[in-house]
Protein backbone atom coordinates (compact mmCIF):
# COMPACT_ATOMS: atom_id res chain seq x y z
CA MET A 1 3.83 56.20 -12.77
CA GLY A 2 1.54 53.47 -14.12
CA ILE A 3 2.20 49.89 -15.08
CA GLU A 4 0.98 48.20 -18.23
CA ALA A 5 1.22 44.66 -19.50
CA SER A 6 2.50 43.84 -22.96
CA ARG A 7 3.04 40.32 -24.23
CA GLY A 8 2.98 38.93 -20.72
CA ARG A 9 5.62 41.39 -19.46
CA LEU A 10 5.07 44.19 -17.00
CA ARG A 11 6.69 47.53 -17.71
CA ALA A 12 6.41 51.08 -16.61
CA VAL A 13 4.11 53.32 -18.62
CA GLY A 14 6.15 55.27 -21.18
CA GLU A 15 9.09 52.88 -21.02
CA GLN A 16 10.28 51.83 -24.43
CA PRO A 17 9.76 48.10 -25.01
CA ARG A 18 12.98 46.18 -24.99
CA CYS A 19 13.66 43.55 -27.53
CA GLY A 20 13.09 40.86 -24.95
CA ARG A 21 12.50 38.06 -27.40
CA ARG A 22 15.78 38.76 -29.22
CA TYR A 23 17.72 38.84 -25.92
CA THR A 24 16.07 35.61 -24.77
CA VAL A 25 16.92 33.81 -28.03
CA MET A 26 20.52 35.07 -27.97
CA THR A 27 20.92 34.14 -24.30
CA ARG A 28 19.60 30.64 -24.92
CA PHE A 29 21.91 30.25 -27.93
CA LEU A 30 24.95 31.30 -25.88
CA VAL A 31 24.04 28.99 -22.99
CA LEU A 32 23.55 26.03 -25.34
CA THR A 33 26.83 26.78 -27.14
CA VAL A 34 28.77 26.91 -23.85
CA MET A 35 27.13 23.67 -22.68
CA ALA A 36 27.90 21.89 -25.94
CA PHE A 37 31.54 23.00 -25.83
CA SER A 38 31.85 21.92 -22.20
CA LEU A 39 30.39 18.49 -22.90
CA SER A 40 32.62 17.95 -25.92
CA THR A 41 35.77 18.52 -23.86
CA CYS A 42 34.77 16.28 -20.92
CA THR A 43 36.19 12.80 -20.49
CA SER A 44 34.93 9.87 -18.50
CA GLY A 45 38.12 9.51 -16.48
CA PRO A 46 41.17 11.44 -15.42
CA SER A 47 43.13 12.95 -18.24
CA ARG A 48 46.65 11.57 -17.88
CA PRO A 49 49.11 10.54 -20.56
CA PRO A 50 50.12 6.86 -20.51
CA ASP A 51 53.32 5.92 -18.72
CA PRO A 52 56.29 5.61 -21.08
CA PRO A 53 57.53 2.05 -21.62
CA GLU A 54 60.63 0.81 -19.85
CA PRO A 55 63.50 1.36 -22.27
CA SER A 56 65.20 -1.94 -21.51
CA ALA A 57 62.21 -4.30 -21.76
CA PRO A 58 63.22 -7.19 -24.05
CA ASN A 59 59.88 -8.29 -25.36
CA PRO A 60 57.40 -5.48 -24.82
CA PRO A 61 53.71 -5.82 -25.66
CA ALA A 62 54.28 -3.52 -28.66
CA ALA A 63 56.80 -5.99 -30.05
CA ALA A 64 54.23 -8.73 -29.83
CA LYS A 65 51.94 -6.64 -32.01
CA GLY A 66 54.59 -5.90 -34.61
CA SER A 67 56.46 -2.78 -33.58
CA CYS A 68 59.63 -2.17 -31.59
CA TYR A 69 60.59 0.51 -29.12
CA VAL A 70 63.94 -1.06 -28.18
CA ARG A 71 65.88 -2.22 -31.20
CA TYR A 72 69.00 -4.32 -31.34
CA SER A 73 72.36 -2.60 -31.11
CA PRO A 74 75.59 -3.60 -29.33
CA GLU A 75 74.63 -1.20 -26.52
CA THR A 76 71.10 -2.56 -26.05
CA LEU A 77 72.48 -6.12 -26.30
CA LYS A 78 74.52 -5.42 -23.15
CA GLN A 79 71.27 -4.61 -21.30
CA ARG A 80 69.80 -8.09 -21.85
CA GLU A 81 69.97 -10.63 -19.02
CA PHE A 82 71.22 -13.45 -21.23
CA ALA A 83 72.73 -14.07 -24.65
CA PHE A 84 73.78 -17.31 -26.35
CA ASP A 85 74.45 -19.14 -29.60
CA GLY A 86 71.98 -22.00 -29.84
CA THR A 87 70.29 -24.52 -32.10
CA ALA A 88 66.49 -24.86 -31.95
CA VAL A 89 65.61 -28.44 -31.03
CA ALA A 90 61.85 -28.00 -30.47
CA ILE A 91 59.10 -25.50 -31.26
CA GLY A 92 55.92 -25.42 -29.19
CA ARG A 93 53.30 -23.17 -27.74
CA LYS A 94 52.05 -22.14 -24.34
CA ARG A 95 48.49 -21.04 -23.58
CA TYR A 96 47.87 -18.02 -21.36
CA GLU A 97 44.50 -17.03 -19.97
CA GLY A 98 44.14 -13.34 -19.27
CA PRO A 99 41.39 -10.89 -18.41
CA GLU A 100 40.65 -10.32 -22.10
CA GLY A 101 40.67 -14.00 -23.06
CA GLY A 102 43.36 -16.50 -23.84
CA GLU A 103 46.30 -16.31 -26.16
CA ASP A 104 48.94 -18.69 -27.44
CA ARG A 105 52.61 -17.84 -27.34
CA GLY A 106 55.30 -19.64 -29.21
CA THR A 107 58.08 -21.41 -27.35
CA ALA A 108 61.44 -22.60 -28.59
CA THR A 109 63.81 -24.99 -26.90
CA PHE A 110 67.47 -24.39 -27.74
CA ARG A 111 70.53 -26.58 -27.28
CA VAL A 112 73.06 -23.96 -26.21
CA ASN A 113 76.28 -24.09 -28.20
CA ARG A 114 77.82 -21.19 -26.29
CA TRP A 115 76.73 -18.78 -23.58
CA PHE A 116 77.89 -15.21 -24.05
CA LYS A 117 76.13 -13.99 -20.92
CA GLY A 118 73.79 -15.07 -18.14
CA GLY A 119 73.57 -18.84 -18.17
CA GLU A 120 75.21 -22.26 -18.08
CA GLU A 121 72.40 -24.70 -18.88
CA PRO A 122 72.99 -26.97 -21.88
CA GLU A 123 69.37 -26.48 -22.98
CA VAL A 124 66.85 -23.69 -22.43
CA THR A 125 63.18 -23.17 -23.36
CA LEU A 126 62.12 -19.60 -24.02
CA GLU A 127 58.85 -17.90 -24.88
CA SER A 128 58.00 -15.45 -27.62
CA GLY A 129 55.41 -12.70 -27.47
CA LEU A 130 53.88 -14.14 -30.65
CA PRO A 131 52.18 -17.48 -31.33
CA ALA A 132 53.97 -20.32 -33.07
CA GLN A 133 52.52 -21.13 -36.48
CA ASN A 134 53.39 -24.12 -38.66
CA GLY A 135 56.39 -25.00 -36.49
CA VAL A 136 57.85 -21.49 -36.64
CA VAL A 137 58.21 -18.96 -33.84
CA THR A 138 58.24 -15.49 -35.36
CA SER A 139 60.41 -12.77 -33.89
CA VAL A 140 59.44 -9.20 -34.79
CA GLU A 141 62.26 -7.69 -36.85
CA GLY A 142 64.38 -10.76 -36.29
CA ALA A 143 64.73 -14.40 -37.24
CA ASP A 144 61.85 -16.81 -37.70
CA VAL A 145 62.94 -19.62 -35.38
CA LYS A 146 62.57 -23.12 -36.87
CA LYS A 147 63.59 -26.50 -35.51
CA GLY A 148 67.17 -27.27 -36.56
CA GLY A 149 68.14 -23.63 -37.17
CA ARG A 150 71.08 -21.99 -35.44
CA TYR A 151 70.49 -18.61 -33.80
CA LEU A 152 71.96 -15.88 -31.69
CA VAL A 153 69.42 -15.28 -28.91
CA ALA A 154 69.31 -12.58 -26.27
CA GLY A 155 66.52 -11.67 -23.89
CA ASP A 156 65.32 -11.33 -20.33
CA GLY A 157 63.58 -13.67 -17.92
CA LYS A 158 61.93 -16.46 -19.87
CA PHE A 159 61.56 -14.49 -23.12
CA MET A 160 63.66 -14.53 -26.26
CA GLY A 161 64.01 -10.96 -27.36
CA ALA A 162 62.28 -9.62 -30.44
CA CYS A 163 63.37 -6.61 -32.48
CA GLY A 164 66.70 -8.06 -33.59
CA PHE A 165 67.67 -9.80 -30.33
CA THR A 166 66.89 -13.20 -31.89
CA ARG A 167 68.76 -13.52 -35.18
CA ASP A 168 70.15 -16.08 -37.55
CA TRP A 169 73.64 -17.22 -36.54
CA SER A 170 76.68 -16.12 -38.53
CA GLU A 171 80.36 -16.12 -37.65
CA VAL A 172 80.57 -12.37 -38.10
CA GLU A 173 77.56 -11.66 -35.85
CA ALA A 174 78.75 -14.16 -33.23
CA ALA A 175 82.12 -12.35 -33.10
CA GLU A 176 80.31 -9.02 -32.72
CA TRP A 177 78.26 -10.42 -29.83
CA GLU A 178 81.40 -11.77 -28.17
CA THR A 179 83.07 -8.38 -28.43
CA ALA A 180 80.01 -6.44 -27.22
CA LEU A 181 79.44 -8.75 -24.22
CA ARG A 182 83.02 -9.07 -23.01
CA ASP A 183 83.19 -8.11 -19.34
């Protein structure tokens, strides 16, 4: 049996030429397709869904950006650390420096007319997740707190709650809070 060369390829004499060029092109196409698909599904870090937020957080980061994941109800009101009927006596702001720059948060000082839960101080200063603007501390889905206004305020730690936990005072609502927070 002899050997002959054809187009740079050695083959046995009498052997039918294979469509080498076609196979090479198809093989390269398949390899490139697989590589492209693999690269498109890769990520730079581990693929893990974000942790769900704590259901009882009073003033979550989402609330500061305008959405709520815990909304006011008599049941969620019971989960707050404090609740009171108070009159806003001062509006201010507090500057925070973080890894992504600084931000201002609104503060409100309240003269407490009545504690429903969690405190005894005659006056308390609380923070909001949003900045104070023009003497108003905005509460997402709640009252805009202004000096001289009377409010029902519930929250945790040093934060007045957003999402309905800071609301304009009314006799009816105050009675509902009293009922919901009775021990």
